[in-house]
C-alpha atoms as a PDB file:
ATOM      1  CA  MET A   1     194.648  45.563 134.550  1.00  0.00           C
ATOM      2  CA  SER A   2     191.321  44.720 133.002  1.00  0.00           C
ATOM      3  CA  PHE A   3     188.832  47.236 131.789  1.00  0.00           C
ATOM      4  CA  PRO A   4     185.075  46.719 131.939  1.00  0.00           C
ATOM      5  CA  LYS A   5     183.408  46.108 128.742  1.00  0.00           C
ATOM      6  CA  THR A   6     181.776  48.993 127.123  1.00  0.00           C
ATOM      7  CA  ARG A   7     177.993  48.014 126.069  1.00  0.00           C
ATOM      8  CA  LEU A   8     176.280  51.038 124.715  1.00  0.00           C
ATOM      9  CA  ARG A   9     173.279  48.839 124.188  1.00  0.00           C
ATOM     10  CA  ARG A  10     172.649  49.027 127.960  1.00  0.00           C
ATOM     11  CA  LEU A  11     171.504  52.659 127.189  1.00  0.00           C
ATOM     12  CA  ARG A  12     168.956  51.538 124.498  1.00  0.00           C
ATOM     13  CA  LYS A  13     167.581  48.411 126.415  1.00  0.00           C
ATOM     14  CA  SER A  14     164.037  49.843 126.849  1.00  0.00           C
ATOM     15  CA  ALA A  15     161.707  52.757 125.668  1.00  0.00           C
ATOM     16  CA  ASN A  16     161.770  54.339 129.136  1.00  0.00           C
ATOM     17  CA  VAL A  17     165.650  54.153 129.393  1.00  0.00           C
ATOM     18  CA  ARG A  18     165.942  55.967 126.002  1.00  0.00           C
ATOM     19  CA  ARG A  19     163.531  58.705 127.120  1.00  0.00           C
ATOM     20  CA  LEU A  20     165.656  59.310 130.115  1.00  0.00           C
ATOM     21  CA  ILE A  21     168.817  59.748 128.282  1.00  0.00           C
ATOM     22  CA  LYS A  22     167.858  61.525 125.128  1.00  0.00           C
ATOM     23  CA  ASN A  23     169.199  64.885 124.649  1.00  0.00           C
ATOM     24  CA  ILE A  24     167.368  66.030 121.522  1.00  0.00           C
ATOM     25  CA  SER A  25     163.835  67.015 122.111  1.00  0.00           C
ATOM     26  CA  LEU A  26     161.384  68.063 119.376  1.00  0.00           C
ATOM     27  CA  SER A  27     158.289  69.880 120.349  1.00  0.00           C
ATOM     28  CA  LYS A  28     155.367  71.995 118.707  1.00  0.00           C
ATOM     29  CA  ASP A  29     157.352  74.956 120.059  1.00  0.00           C
ATOM     30  CA  ASP A  30     159.816  74.393 117.237  1.00  0.00           C
ATOM     31  CA  LEU A  31     157.500  74.695 114.363  1.00  0.00           C
ATOM     32  CA  LEU A  32     156.671  77.526 111.996  1.00  0.00           C
ATOM     33  CA  TYR A  33     154.034  76.985 109.467  1.00  0.00           C
ATOM     34  CA  PRO A  34     154.052  78.327 105.916  1.00  0.00           C
ATOM     35  CA  ILE A  35     150.705  79.733 104.642  1.00  0.00           C
ATOM     36  CA  PHE A  36     150.095  80.561 100.922  1.00  0.00           C
ATOM     37  CA  VAL A  37     147.471  83.315 100.511  1.00  0.00           C
ATOM     38  CA  LYS A  38     146.254  83.848  96.948  1.00  0.00           C
ATOM     39  CA  GLU A  39     144.442  86.751  95.403  1.00  0.00           C
ATOM     40  CA  GLY A  40     141.301  86.495  93.222  1.00  0.00           C
ATOM     41  CA  ILE A  41     140.029  83.119  94.747  1.00  0.00           C
ATOM     42  CA  LYS A  42     137.100  82.379  97.041  1.00  0.00           C
ATOM     43  CA  GLU A  43     137.802  78.927  98.138  1.00  0.00           C
ATOM     44  CA  LYS A  44     140.837  77.347  99.156  1.00  0.00           C
ATOM     45  CA  SER A  45     142.437  74.851  96.613  1.00  0.00           C
ATOM     46  CA  GLU A  46     145.010  72.068  97.069  1.00  0.00           C
ATOM     47  CA  ILE A  47     148.521  72.636  95.594  1.00  0.00           C
ATOM     48  CA  LYS A  48     148.957  69.620  93.193  1.00  0.00           C
ATOM     49  CA  SER A  49     152.650  69.356  93.808  1.00  0.00           C
ATOM     50  CA  MET A  50     152.244  69.553  97.476  1.00  0.00           C
ATOM     51  CA  PRO A  51     149.777  67.081  99.001  1.00  0.00           C
ATOM     52  CA  ARG A  52     147.472  68.528 101.624  1.00  0.00           C
ATOM     53  CA  GLN A  53     148.996  72.180 101.127  1.00  0.00           C
ATOM     54  CA  TRP A  54     146.607  74.864 100.083  1.00  0.00           C
ATOM     55  CA  HIS A  55     146.080  78.074  98.381  1.00  0.00           C
ATOM     56  CA  HIS A  56     143.854  80.015 100.734  1.00  0.00           C
ATOM     57  CA  SER A  57     141.647  82.892 100.025  1.00  0.00           C
ATOM     58  CA  LEU A  58     141.262  85.667 102.474  1.00  0.00           C
ATOM     59  CA  GLU A  59     137.673  84.048 103.013  1.00  0.00           C
ATOM     60  CA  THR A  60     139.378  80.822 104.129  1.00  0.00           C
ATOM     61  CA  LEU A  61     142.245  82.404 106.125  1.00  0.00           C
ATOM     62  CA  ASN A  62     140.400  81.956 109.392  1.00  0.00           C
ATOM     63  CA  GLU A  63     140.433  78.174 108.974  1.00  0.00           C
ATOM     64  CA  VAL A  64     144.103  77.793 108.812  1.00  0.00           C
ATOM     65  CA  ILE A  65     144.585  80.301 111.511  1.00  0.00           C
ATOM     66  CA  ASN A  66     142.264  78.294 113.858  1.00  0.00           C
ATOM     67  CA  ASP A  67     144.154  75.136 112.886  1.00  0.00           C
ATOM     68  CA  CYS A  68     147.322  76.561 113.903  1.00  0.00           C
ATOM     69  CA  GLU A  69     146.170  77.807 117.298  1.00  0.00           C
ATOM     70  CA  SER A  70     144.402  74.683 118.013  1.00  0.00           C
ATOM     71  CA  ALA A  71     147.610  72.718 117.233  1.00  0.00           C
ATOM     72  CA  GLY A  72     149.628  75.002 119.544  1.00  0.00           C
ATOM     73  CA  ILE A  73     152.039  76.140 116.711  1.00  0.00           C
ATOM     74  CA  PRO A  74     153.700  79.467 117.692  1.00  0.00           C
ATOM     75  CA  GLY A  75     153.475  81.086 114.405  1.00  0.00           C
ATOM     76  CA  VAL A  76     153.226  81.280 110.582  1.00  0.00           C
ATOM     77  CA  ILE A  77     155.136  82.610 107.614  1.00  0.00           C
ATOM     78  CA  VAL A  78     152.958  84.141 105.066  1.00  0.00           C
ATOM     79  CA  PHE A  79     153.617  83.852 101.188  1.00  0.00           C
ATOM     80  CA  GLY A  80     151.337  85.806  98.855  1.00  0.00           C
ATOM     81  CA  ILE A  81     150.210  85.170  95.258  1.00  0.00           C
ATOM     82  CA  PRO A  82     149.011  88.404  93.659  1.00  0.00           C
ATOM     83  CA  GLU A  83     146.639  88.591  90.689  1.00  0.00           C
ATOM     84  CA  ASN A  84     148.680  91.293  88.950  1.00  0.00           C
ATOM     85  CA  LYS A  85     152.332  91.066  88.298  1.00  0.00           C
ATOM     86  CA  ASN A  86     154.818  93.350  86.504  1.00  0.00           C
ATOM     87  CA  ASP A  87     158.443  93.445  85.883  1.00  0.00           C
ATOM     88  CA  ARG A  88     158.970  95.809  88.822  1.00  0.00           C
ATOM     89  CA  GLY A  89     157.079  93.687  91.386  1.00  0.00           C
ATOM     90  CA  SER A  90     155.336  96.668  92.586  1.00  0.00           C
ATOM     91  CA  GLU A  91     152.437  94.642  94.246  1.00  0.00           C
ATOM     92  CA  ALA A  92     155.001  93.559  96.717  1.00  0.00           C
ATOM     93  CA  PHE A  93     154.675  96.926  98.595  1.00  0.00           C
ATOM     94  CA  ASN A  94     150.977  97.742  97.967  1.00  0.00           C
ATOM     95  CA  ASP A  95     149.679  98.407 101.399  1.00  0.00           C
ATOM     96  CA  GLN A  96     146.333  96.738 100.356  1.00  0.00           C
ATOM     97  CA  GLY A  97     148.135  93.882  98.743  1.00  0.00           C
ATOM     98  CA  ILE A  98     147.475  90.199  99.550  1.00  0.00           C
ATOM     99  CA  VAL A  99     150.122  89.651 101.978  1.00  0.00           C
ATOM    100  CA  GLN A 100     149.509  92.859 103.830  1.00  0.00           C
ATOM    101  CA  THR A 101     145.679  92.130 104.056  1.00  0.00           C
ATOM    102  CA  ALA A 102     146.360  88.534 105.286  1.00  0.00           C
ATOM    103  CA  VAL A 103     148.900  89.761 107.820  1.00  0.00           C
ATOM    104  CA  SER A 104     146.343  92.385 109.092  1.00  0.00           C
ATOM    105  CA  ARG A 105     143.630  89.713 109.526  1.00  0.00           C
ATOM    106  CA  ILE A 106     145.879  87.298 111.173  1.00  0.00           C
ATOM    107  CA  LYS A 107     147.154  89.642 113.836  1.00  0.00           C
ATOM    108  CA  SER A 108     143.564  91.073 114.444  1.00  0.00           C
ATOM    109  CA  GLU A 109     142.120  87.524 114.943  1.00  0.00           C
ATOM    110  CA  SER A 110     144.866  85.473 116.622  1.00  0.00           C
ATOM    111  CA  GLY A 111     147.907  85.725 118.874  1.00  0.00           C
ATOM    112  CA  LEU A 112     150.184  83.887 116.421  1.00  0.00           C
ATOM    113  CA  ALA A 113     153.555  85.256 115.614  1.00  0.00           C
ATOM    114  CA  VAL A 114     153.579  86.392 111.958  1.00  0.00           C
ATOM    115  CA  PHE A 115     156.517  86.223 109.651  1.00  0.00           C
ATOM    116  CA  THR A 116     156.313  87.474 106.169  1.00  0.00           C
ATOM    117  CA  ASP A 117     158.434  86.435 103.201  1.00  0.00           C
ATOM    118  CA  VAL A 118     160.106  89.482 101.508  1.00  0.00           C
ATOM    119  CA  CYS A 119     161.128  88.760  98.010  1.00  0.00           C
ATOM    120  CA  LEU A 120     159.984  89.813  94.636  1.00  0.00           C
ATOM    121  CA  CYS A 121     159.818  86.505  92.640  1.00  0.00           C
ATOM    122  CA  GLN A 122     156.234  85.951  93.388  1.00  0.00           C
ATOM    123  CA  TYR A 123     155.377  89.519  92.112  1.00  0.00           C
ATOM    124  CA  THR A 124     157.417  89.738  88.945  1.00  0.00           C
ATOM    125  CA  THR A 125     156.404  88.657  85.379  1.00  0.00           C
ATOM    126  CA  HIS A 126     159.940  87.137  84.956  1.00  0.00           C
ATOM    127  CA  GLY A 127     159.944  85.134  88.220  1.00  0.00           C
ATOM    128  CA  HIS A 128     163.126  86.488  89.362  1.00  0.00           C
ATOM    129  CA  CYS A 129     163.935  87.987  92.900  1.00  0.00           C
ATOM    130  CA  GLY A 130     164.734  91.435  91.942  1.00  0.00           C
ATOM    131  CA  ILE A 131     164.719  94.264  89.300  1.00  0.00           C
ATOM    132  CA  LEU A 132     166.373  93.489  86.079  1.00  0.00           C
ATOM    133  CA  ASP A 133     168.389  95.702  83.760  1.00  0.00           C
ATOM    134  CA  GLU A 134     170.746  95.018  80.696  1.00  0.00           C
ATOM    135  CA  SER A 135     173.400  93.588  83.147  1.00  0.00           C
ATOM    136  CA  GLY A 136     171.071  91.127  84.791  1.00  0.00           C
ATOM    137  CA  LEU A 137     169.680  91.589  88.378  1.00  0.00           C
ATOM    138  CA  ASN A 138     170.311  94.999  89.659  1.00  0.00           C
ATOM    139  CA  ASN A 139     171.160  94.686  93.367  1.00  0.00           C
ATOM    140  CA  ASP A 140     170.870  98.291  94.488  1.00  0.00           C
ATOM    141  CA  LYS A 141     167.351  98.922  92.534  1.00  0.00           C
ATOM    142  CA  THR A 142     166.165  95.726  94.255  1.00  0.00           C
ATOM    143  CA  LEU A 143     167.132  96.930  97.566  1.00  0.00           C
ATOM    144  CA  GLU A 144     164.918 100.014  97.186  1.00  0.00           C
ATOM    145  CA  VAL A 145     161.848  97.841  96.626  1.00  0.00           C
ATOM    146  CA  LEU A 146     162.768  95.472  99.477  1.00  0.00           C
ATOM    147  CA  ARG A 147     162.812  98.484 101.878  1.00  0.00           C
ATOM    148  CA  LYS A 148     159.438  99.619 100.719  1.00  0.00           C
ATOM    149  CA  THR A 149     157.986  96.056 100.898  1.00  0.00           C
ATOM    150  CA  SER A 150     159.379  95.438 104.466  1.00  0.00           C
ATOM    151  CA  VAL A 151     157.944  98.673 105.727  1.00  0.00           C
ATOM    152  CA  SER A 152     154.672  97.817 104.180  1.00  0.00           C
ATOM    153  CA  HIS A 153     154.567  94.408 105.824  1.00  0.00           C
ATOM    154  CA  ALA A 154     155.535  96.084 109.234  1.00  0.00           C
ATOM    155  CA  ARG A 155     152.798  98.479 108.778  1.00  0.00           C
ATOM    156  CA  ALA A 156     150.272  95.635 108.310  1.00  0.00           C
ATOM    157  CA  GLY A 157     151.493  94.125 111.584  1.00  0.00           C
ATOM    158  CA  ALA A 158     154.161  91.652 110.709  1.00  0.00           C
ATOM    159  CA  ASP A 159     156.395  90.568 113.662  1.00  0.00           C
ATOM    160  CA  PHE A 160     159.272  89.570 111.556  1.00  0.00           C
ATOM    161  CA  VAL A 161     160.059  90.350 107.898  1.00  0.00           C
ATOM    162  CA  SER A 162     162.120  87.620 106.148  1.00  0.00           C
ATOM    163  CA  PRO A 163     164.134  88.702 103.086  1.00  0.00           C
ATOM    164  CA  SER A 164     164.814  85.588 101.066  1.00  0.00           C
ATOM    165  CA  GLY A 165     166.290  86.974  97.648  1.00  0.00           C
ATOM    166  CA  MET A 166     170.009  86.714  98.759  1.00  0.00           C
ATOM    167  CA  ILE A 167     170.464  90.315  97.701  1.00  0.00           C
ATOM    168  CA  ASP A 168     173.656  91.762  98.964  1.00  0.00           C
ATOM    169  CA  GLY A 169     173.091  94.244 101.632  1.00  0.00           C
ATOM    170  CA  GLN A 170     169.458  93.286 102.192  1.00  0.00           C
ATOM    171  CA  VAL A 171     169.458  93.131 105.975  1.00  0.00           C
ATOM    172  CA  LYS A 172     171.231  96.428 106.363  1.00  0.00           C
ATOM    173  CA  GLU A 173     168.910  98.284 104.120  1.00  0.00           C
ATOM    174  CA  ILE A 174     165.762  96.695 105.561  1.00  0.00           C
ATOM    175  CA  ARG A 175     166.895  97.408 109.211  1.00  0.00           C
ATOM    176  CA  GLU A 176     167.489 101.030 108.393  1.00  0.00           C
ATOM    177  CA  ALA A 177     164.282 101.361 106.562  1.00  0.00           C
ATOM    178  CA  LEU A 178     162.248  99.758 109.509  1.00  0.00           C
ATOM    179  CA  ASP A 179     164.023 101.978 112.143  1.00  0.00           C
ATOM    180  CA  ASP A 180     163.608 105.138 110.033  1.00  0.00           C
ATOM    181  CA  GLU A 181     159.866 104.320 109.813  1.00  0.00           C
ATOM    182  CA  GLY A 182     159.345 103.795 113.491  1.00  0.00           C
ATOM    183  CA  PHE A 183     159.325  99.917 113.295  1.00  0.00           C
ATOM    184  CA  GLY A 184     162.235  99.275 115.630  1.00  0.00           C
ATOM    185  CA  GLY A 185     160.351  96.499 117.244  1.00  0.00           C
ATOM    186  CA  VAL A 186     159.903  94.517 113.932  1.00  0.00           C
ATOM    187  CA  GLY A 187     162.389  91.805 113.692  1.00  0.00           C
ATOM    188  CA  ILE A 188     164.347  90.275 110.602  1.00  0.00           C
ATOM    189  CA  MET A 189     164.721  86.715 109.956  1.00  0.00           C
ATOM    190  CA  SER A 190     167.096  86.549 106.930  1.00  0.00           C
ATOM    191  CA  TYR A 191     167.356  83.588 104.586  1.00  0.00           C
ATOM    192  CA  SER A 192     171.197  83.913 104.957  1.00  0.00           C
ATOM    193  CA  ALA A 193     172.346  80.629 103.663  1.00  0.00           C
ATOM    194  CA  LYS A 194     170.018  79.842 100.881  1.00  0.00           C
ATOM    195  CA  PHE A 195     171.292  77.686  98.235  1.00  0.00           C
ATOM    196  CA  ALA A 196     170.321  77.453  94.588  1.00  0.00           C
ATOM    197  CA  SER A 197     168.639  74.146  95.293  1.00  0.00           C
ATOM    198  CA  ASN A 198     166.832  71.497  93.247  1.00  0.00           C
ATOM    199  CA  PHE A 199     164.477  71.056  95.987  1.00  0.00           C
ATOM    200  CA  TYR A 200     162.321  74.157  95.501  1.00  0.00           C
ATOM    201  CA  GLY A 201     160.325  72.862  92.514  1.00  0.00           C
ATOM    202  CA  PRO A 202     156.893  72.285  94.227  1.00  0.00           C
ATOM    203  CA  PHE A 203     157.104  75.628  96.113  1.00  0.00           C
ATOM    204  CA  ARG A 204     157.845  77.463  92.779  1.00  0.00           C
ATOM    205  CA  ASP A 205     154.564  75.847  91.398  1.00  0.00           C
ATOM    206  CA  ALA A 206     152.589  76.947  94.695  1.00  0.00           C
ATOM    207  CA  VAL A 207     153.786  80.670  94.294  1.00  0.00           C
ATOM    208  CA  GLU A 208     153.755  80.750  90.565  1.00  0.00           C
ATOM    209  CA  SER A 209     157.481  82.032  90.580  1.00  0.00           C
ATOM    210  CA  SER A 210     159.464  79.678  88.399  1.00  0.00           C
ATOM    211  CA  PRO A 211     162.310  81.945  86.902  1.00  0.00           C
ATOM    212  CA  LYS A 212     161.921  82.720  83.182  1.00  0.00           C
ATOM    213  CA  LYS A 213     164.607  83.177  80.471  1.00  0.00           C
ATOM    214  CA  VAL A 214     164.994  86.814  79.728  1.00  0.00           C
ATOM    215  CA  GLU A 215     165.861  87.990  76.111  1.00  0.00           C
ATOM    216  CA  GLY A 216     169.364  89.352  76.190  1.00  0.00           C
ATOM    217  CA  LEU A 217     170.270  87.728  79.731  1.00  0.00           C
ATOM    218  CA  PRO A 218     170.979  84.196  78.942  1.00  0.00           C
ATOM    219  CA  HIS A 219     172.758  83.758  82.304  1.00  0.00           C
ATOM    220  CA  LEU A 220     169.503  84.457  84.147  1.00  0.00           C
ATOM    221  CA  GLY A 221     167.756  81.173  83.252  1.00  0.00           C
ATOM    222  CA  ASP A 222     167.956  80.302  86.901  1.00  0.00           C
ATOM    223  CA  ARG A 223     168.833  81.829  90.250  1.00  0.00           C
ATOM    224  CA  SER A 224     172.460  80.804  90.521  1.00  0.00           C
ATOM    225  CA  THR A 225     173.846  84.226  90.164  1.00  0.00           C
ATOM    226  CA  TYR A 226     172.345  85.264  93.446  1.00  0.00           C
ATOM    227  CA  GLN A 227     171.621  82.111  95.381  1.00  0.00           C
ATOM    228  CA  MET A 228     174.516  80.026  96.653  1.00  0.00           C
ATOM    229  CA  ASP A 229     176.050  77.247  94.734  1.00  0.00           C
ATOM    230  CA  PHE A 230     175.661  74.035  96.766  1.00  0.00           C
ATOM    231  CA  LYS A 231     179.445  73.038  95.967  1.00  0.00           C
ATOM    232  CA  THR A 232     180.746  75.842  97.942  1.00  0.00           C
ATOM    233  CA  ARG A 233     181.898  75.426 101.711  1.00  0.00           C
ATOM    234  CA  GLU A 234     183.063  78.856 102.830  1.00  0.00           C
ATOM    235  CA  GLN A 235     180.361  81.196 101.481  1.00  0.00           C
ATOM    236  CA  PRO A 236     177.468  80.178 103.865  1.00  0.00           C
ATOM    237  CA  MET A 237     179.372  81.257 106.942  1.00  0.00           C
ATOM    238  CA  ARG A 238     180.503  84.534 105.260  1.00  0.00           C
ATOM    239  CA  GLU A 239     176.857  85.142 104.317  1.00  0.00           C
ATOM    240  CA  ILE A 240     175.589  84.494 107.893  1.00  0.00           C
ATOM    241  CA  LYS A 241     178.353  86.761 109.306  1.00  0.00           C
ATOM    242  CA  LEU A 242     177.387  89.711 107.070  1.00  0.00           C
ATOM    243  CA  ASP A 243     173.769  89.393 107.902  1.00  0.00           C
ATOM    244  CA  VAL A 244     174.408  89.168 111.758  1.00  0.00           C
ATOM    245  CA  GLU A 245     176.624  92.206 111.450  1.00  0.00           C
ATOM    246  CA  GLU A 246     174.045  93.999 109.476  1.00  0.00           C
ATOM    247  CA  GLY A 247     171.340  93.398 112.138  1.00  0.00           C
ATOM    248  CA  ALA A 248     169.619  90.012 111.438  1.00  0.00           C
ATOM    249  CA  ASP A 249     167.727  88.790 114.648  1.00  0.00           C
ATOM    250  CA  ILE A 250     167.422  85.308 113.192  1.00  0.00           C
ATOM    251  CA  VAL A 251     169.412  83.527 110.373  1.00  0.00           C
ATOM    252  CA  MET A 252     168.073  80.799 108.222  1.00  0.00           C
ATOM    253  CA  VAL A 253     169.628  77.866 106.430  1.00  0.00           C
ATOM    254  CA  LYS A 254     167.530  76.702 103.352  1.00  0.00           C
ATOM    255  CA  PRO A 255     167.045  73.812 102.413  1.00  0.00           C
ATOM    256  CA  ALA A 256     167.473  71.880 105.675  1.00  0.00           C
ATOM    257  CA  LEU A 257     168.185  68.186 105.343  1.00  0.00           C
ATOM    258  CA  PRO A 258     170.799  68.402 102.625  1.00  0.00           C
ATOM    259  CA  TYR A 259     172.606  71.200 104.516  1.00  0.00           C
ATOM    260  CA  LEU A 260     172.667  69.764 108.137  1.00  0.00           C
ATOM    261  CA  ASP A 261     176.502  70.365 108.006  1.00  0.00           C
ATOM    262  CA  VAL A 262     175.823  74.172 107.419  1.00  0.00           C
ATOM    263  CA  ILE A 263     173.275  74.217 110.252  1.00  0.00           C
ATOM    264  CA  ARG A 264     175.811  72.615 112.550  1.00  0.00           C
ATOM    265  CA  GLU A 265     178.638  74.938 111.677  1.00  0.00           C
ATOM    266  CA  ALA A 266     176.483  77.945 112.124  1.00  0.00           C
ATOM    267  CA  ARG A 267     175.408  76.728 115.483  1.00  0.00           C
ATOM    268  CA  GLN A 268     178.984  76.339 116.550  1.00  0.00           C
ATOM    269  CA  THR A 269     180.011  79.688 115.066  1.00  0.00           C
ATOM    270  CA  PHE A 270     177.033  82.190 115.815  1.00  0.00           C
ATOM    271  CA  ASP A 271     175.325  83.146 118.859  1.00  0.00           C
ATOM    272  CA  VAL A 272     172.045  83.955 117.325  1.00  0.00           C
ATOM    273  CA  PRO A 273     168.775  81.897 116.762  1.00  0.00           C
ATOM    274  CA  ILE A 274     168.930  79.670 113.803  1.00  0.00           C
ATOM    275  CA  SER A 275     166.119  78.572 111.835  1.00  0.00           C
ATOM    276  CA  ALA A 276     165.986  75.759 109.129  1.00  0.00           C
ATOM    277  CA  TYR A 277     163.499  75.480 106.226  1.00  0.00           C
ATOM    278  CA  GLN A 278     162.360  71.871 105.497  1.00  0.00           C
ATOM    279  CA  VAL A 279     161.453  72.956 101.820  1.00  0.00           C
ATOM    280  CA  SER A 280     158.760  71.835  99.510  1.00  0.00           C
ATOM    281  CA  GLY A 281     161.021  69.180  97.757  1.00  0.00           C
ATOM    282  CA  GLU A 282     161.848  67.565 101.203  1.00  0.00           C
ATOM    283  CA  TYR A 283     158.224  67.672 102.229  1.00  0.00           C
ATOM    284  CA  SER A 284     156.794  66.190  99.068  1.00  0.00           C
ATOM    285  CA  MET A 285     159.424  63.307  98.917  1.00  0.00           C
ATOM    286  CA  ILE A 286     158.187  62.246 102.465  1.00  0.00           C
ATOM    287  CA  LYS A 287     154.655  62.491 101.135  1.00  0.00           C
ATOM    288  CA  ARG A 288     155.355  60.347  98.182  1.00  0.00           C
ATOM    289  CA  LEU A 289     157.556  57.812  99.995  1.00  0.00           C
ATOM    290  CA  SER A 290     154.775  57.298 102.630  1.00  0.00           C
ATOM    291  CA  GLU A 291     152.056  57.057 100.168  1.00  0.00           C
ATOM    292  CA  ASN A 292     149.130  57.733 102.458  1.00  0.00           C
ATOM    293  CA  ASP A 293     150.562  55.354 105.166  1.00  0.00           C
ATOM    294  CA  GLU A 294     150.271  57.832 108.142  1.00  0.00           C
ATOM    295  CA  ASP A 295     152.265  55.750 110.599  1.00  0.00           C
ATOM    296  CA  TYR A 296     155.318  55.651 108.150  1.00  0.00           C
ATOM    297  CA  GLU A 297     154.921  59.386 107.306  1.00  0.00           C
ATOM    298  CA  LYS A 298     154.827  60.061 111.015  1.00  0.00           C
ATOM    299  CA  LYS A 299     158.019  58.246 111.345  1.00  0.00           C
ATOM    300  CA  LEU A 300     159.830  59.829 108.502  1.00  0.00           C
ATOM    301  CA  PHE A 301     158.848  63.420 109.501  1.00  0.00           C
ATOM    302  CA  LEU A 302     159.837  62.871 113.059  1.00  0.00           C
ATOM    303  CA  GLU A 303     163.183  61.426 112.055  1.00  0.00           C
ATOM    304  CA  SER A 304     164.037  64.239 109.726  1.00  0.00           C
ATOM    305  CA  LEU A 305     162.916  66.990 111.934  1.00  0.00           C
ATOM    306  CA  ASN A 306     164.784  65.571 114.904  1.00  0.00           C
ATOM    307  CA  SER A 307     167.940  65.490 112.609  1.00  0.00           C
ATOM    308  CA  ILE A 308     167.428  69.112 111.876  1.00  0.00           C
ATOM    309  CA  LYS A 309     167.179  69.931 115.705  1.00  0.00           C
ATOM    310  CA  ARG A 310     170.376  67.705 116.350  1.00  0.00           C
ATOM    311  CA  ALA A 311     172.390  69.813 113.802  1.00  0.00           C
ATOM    312  CA  GLY A 312     171.610  72.824 115.867  1.00  0.00           C
ATOM    313  CA  ALA A 313     168.299  74.663 114.570  1.00  0.00           C
ATOM    314  CA  ASN A 314     166.373  76.583 117.095  1.00  0.00           C
ATOM    315  CA  PHE A 315     163.053  76.069 115.103  1.00  0.00           C
ATOM    316  CA  ILE A 316     162.053  74.550 111.850  1.00  0.00           C
ATOM    317  CA  ILE A 317     159.840  75.950 109.040  1.00  0.00           C
ATOM    318  CA  THR A 318     157.920  72.833 107.800  1.00  0.00           C
ATOM    319  CA  TYR A 319     154.879  72.190 105.791  1.00  0.00           C
ATOM    320  CA  GLY A 320     154.266  69.174 108.032  1.00  0.00           C
ATOM    321  CA  ALA A 321     153.756  71.466 111.131  1.00  0.00           C
ATOM    322  CA  LEU A 322     150.126  70.738 111.679  1.00  0.00           C
ATOM    323  CA  ASP A 323     150.427  67.034 111.489  1.00  0.00           C
ATOM    324  CA  VAL A 324     153.557  66.904 113.353  1.00  0.00           C
ATOM    325  CA  SER A 325     152.095  68.959 116.207  1.00  0.00           C
ATOM    326  CA  ARG A 326     149.241  66.430 116.387  1.00  0.00           C
ATOM    327  CA  TRP A 327     151.601  63.517 116.338  1.00  0.00           C
ATOM    328  CA  LEU A 328     153.617  65.063 119.210  1.00  0.00           C
ATOM    329  CA  SER A 329     150.511  65.600 121.250  1.00  0.00           C
ATOM    330  CA  GLU A 330     149.561  61.855 120.934  1.00  0.00           C
ATOM    331  CA  THR A 331     152.883  60.581 122.187  1.00  0.00           C
END
């Protein structure tokens, strides 16, 4: 008995055949755009390590809001850079702080979904993601500040707060704080599987949050004591499971491209929306590789973002969102 020859090339023979049989689809609905808002500036300024990304002032915020709405992007995630920092990160929960003011303006002037980053690294003089004491990062004291910060963001109008410090118990504490203050409708997108990655450098330049060495705490030269080691296999699923049990509405894997296996396993394991963060290092590598060749840049972005969708992400946080949205509209 003879069998017919299998020729998978028949499924690739033309562009229209490929269109008909594709089962991965990237759209502008899949994109969340990060915005950096900096206190004490009047004009926007380009971030040197992240080409065509900007520090926005409150005065130029309308420009990027309009760009996002015109592009058809569903929402933004807001990062703030305050003028004043201290070792306690107290500007993080200032109701008149840079993030709170920006969120209020975005919500009053647009229909965008607004997510906020909830972490202390941008607000502390030492650049770490929490309150320090003689033993290192004090988990429980940090949770107290994250509770206050999340409620402050909710009060300003945030739709979702996004704790990113990998502080144990952060989702549970934030959920309780939001509910206690009458913000049961505010969601939590947790940075559940966040790795101590080498791909964050440009972002740390952007938010001025590079961790500093602290006298008497030599083990805190980086964030490896609270972010996950990229050589671990089991911890990401344990972290995600804990966050889901504590009340996370959306879980995130960060970075995206080096951790497609984690995204895939999370998709197969958990029945919750999964976001993936195409981080600053991933973005900057594409920009440098394409070297102002927009057609090549487009191909690189679309290939990488489709791979993240193929792994199982519901949506992607990417600095390329505005350009990608335009490219998708042109095809």
